C-alpha atoms as a PDB file:
ATOM      1  CA  MET A   1      -8.373  -1.776   2.649  1.00  0.00           C
ATOM      2  CA  VAL A   2      -4.996  -0.634   2.658  1.00  0.00           C
ATOM      3  CA  SER A   3      -3.667   1.515   6.060  1.00  0.00           C
ATOM      4  CA  ILE A   4      -0.603   4.327   5.583  1.00  0.00           C
ATOM      5  CA  ILE A   5       1.233   5.512   8.459  1.00  0.00           C
ATOM      6  CA  ILE A   6       2.618   8.749   7.316  1.00  0.00           C
ATOM      7  CA  PRO A   7       5.152   9.676  10.834  1.00  0.00           C
ATOM      8  CA  VAL A   8       5.298  13.599  10.610  1.00  0.00           C
ATOM      9  CA  TYR A   9       7.564  16.167  12.786  1.00  0.00           C
ATOM     10  CA  ASN A  10       8.535  19.496  11.457  1.00  0.00           C
ATOM     11  CA  THR A  11       7.043  18.696   7.839  1.00  0.00           C
ATOM     12  CA  GLU A  12       4.604  21.239   7.359  1.00  0.00           C
ATOM     13  CA  PRO A  13       6.418  22.654   4.225  1.00  0.00           C
ATOM     14  CA  TYR A  14       6.140  18.652   2.420  1.00  0.00           C
ATOM     15  CA  ILE A  15       2.786  17.610   4.124  1.00  0.00           C
ATOM     16  CA  LYS A  16       0.541  18.762   1.325  1.00  0.00           C
ATOM     17  CA  ALA A  17       3.083  17.100  -1.458  1.00  0.00           C
ATOM     18  CA  CYS A  18       3.732  13.989   0.088  1.00  0.00           C
ATOM     19  CA  LEU A  19      -0.685  13.532   1.028  1.00  0.00           C
ATOM     20  CA  GLN A  20      -1.193  14.110  -2.831  1.00  0.00           C
ATOM     21  CA  SER A  21       1.196  11.258  -3.720  1.00  0.00           C
ATOM     22  CA  VAL A  22      -0.226   9.296  -1.214  1.00  0.00           C
ATOM     23  CA  MET A  23      -3.510   9.887  -3.238  1.00  0.00           C
ATOM     24  CA  ARG A  24      -1.987   9.019  -6.631  1.00  0.00           C
ATOM     25  CA  GLN A  25      -0.981   5.740  -5.677  1.00  0.00           C
ATOM     26  CA  THR A  26      -2.910   2.416  -6.855  1.00  0.00           C
ATOM     27  CA  TYR A  27      -3.002  -0.596  -5.018  1.00  0.00           C
ATOM     28  CA  ASP A  28      -4.206  -3.790  -7.230  1.00  0.00           C
ATOM     29  CA  ILE A  29      -5.354  -6.430  -4.713  1.00  0.00           C
ATOM     30  CA  GLN A  30      -6.140  -8.932  -7.462  1.00  0.00           C
ATOM     31  CA  ASP A  31      -2.472  -8.636  -8.385  1.00  0.00           C
ATOM     32  CA  ASP A  32      -1.511 -10.205  -5.210  1.00  0.00           C
ATOM     33  CA  ILE A  33      -3.951 -12.922  -4.950  1.00  0.00           C
ATOM     34  CA  GLN A  34      -2.812 -14.637  -8.937  1.00  0.00           C
ATOM     35  CA  ARG A  35       0.446 -14.437  -7.800  1.00  0.00           C
ATOM     36  CA  HIS A  36      -0.245 -16.001  -4.512  1.00  0.00           C
ATOM     37  CA  LEU A  37      -2.293 -18.329  -6.267  1.00  0.00           C
ATOM     38  CA  LYS A  38       0.994 -19.312  -8.673  1.00  0.00           C
ATOM     39  CA  ARG A  39       3.201 -20.140  -5.978  1.00  0.00           C
ATOM     40  CA  LYS A  40       3.016 -24.223  -5.485  1.00  0.00           C
ATOM     41  CA  GLU A  41       3.213 -23.388  -1.982  1.00  0.00           C
ATOM     42  CA  ILE A  42      -0.807 -22.217  -0.785  1.00  0.00           C
ATOM     43  CA  THR A  43      -0.817 -20.384   2.240  1.00  0.00           C
ATOM     44  CA  PRO A  44      -3.004 -18.451   3.782  1.00  0.00           C
ATOM     45  CA  ILE A  45      -3.091 -14.752   2.425  1.00  0.00           C
ATOM     46  CA  PRO A  46      -2.761 -12.562   5.001  1.00  0.00           C
ATOM     47  CA  TYR A  47      -5.214 -10.250   4.744  1.00  0.00           C
END
């Protein structure tokens, strides 16, 4: 799960485009895990 915080103040003209942009984003946790496992120093994943 990923949390997104969007600070807003006087942004009514832009909020719709902002939220649409957020909804189009992709996040692949599997990619993060694979990169983590390839490191020489193994530490717990901070999730």
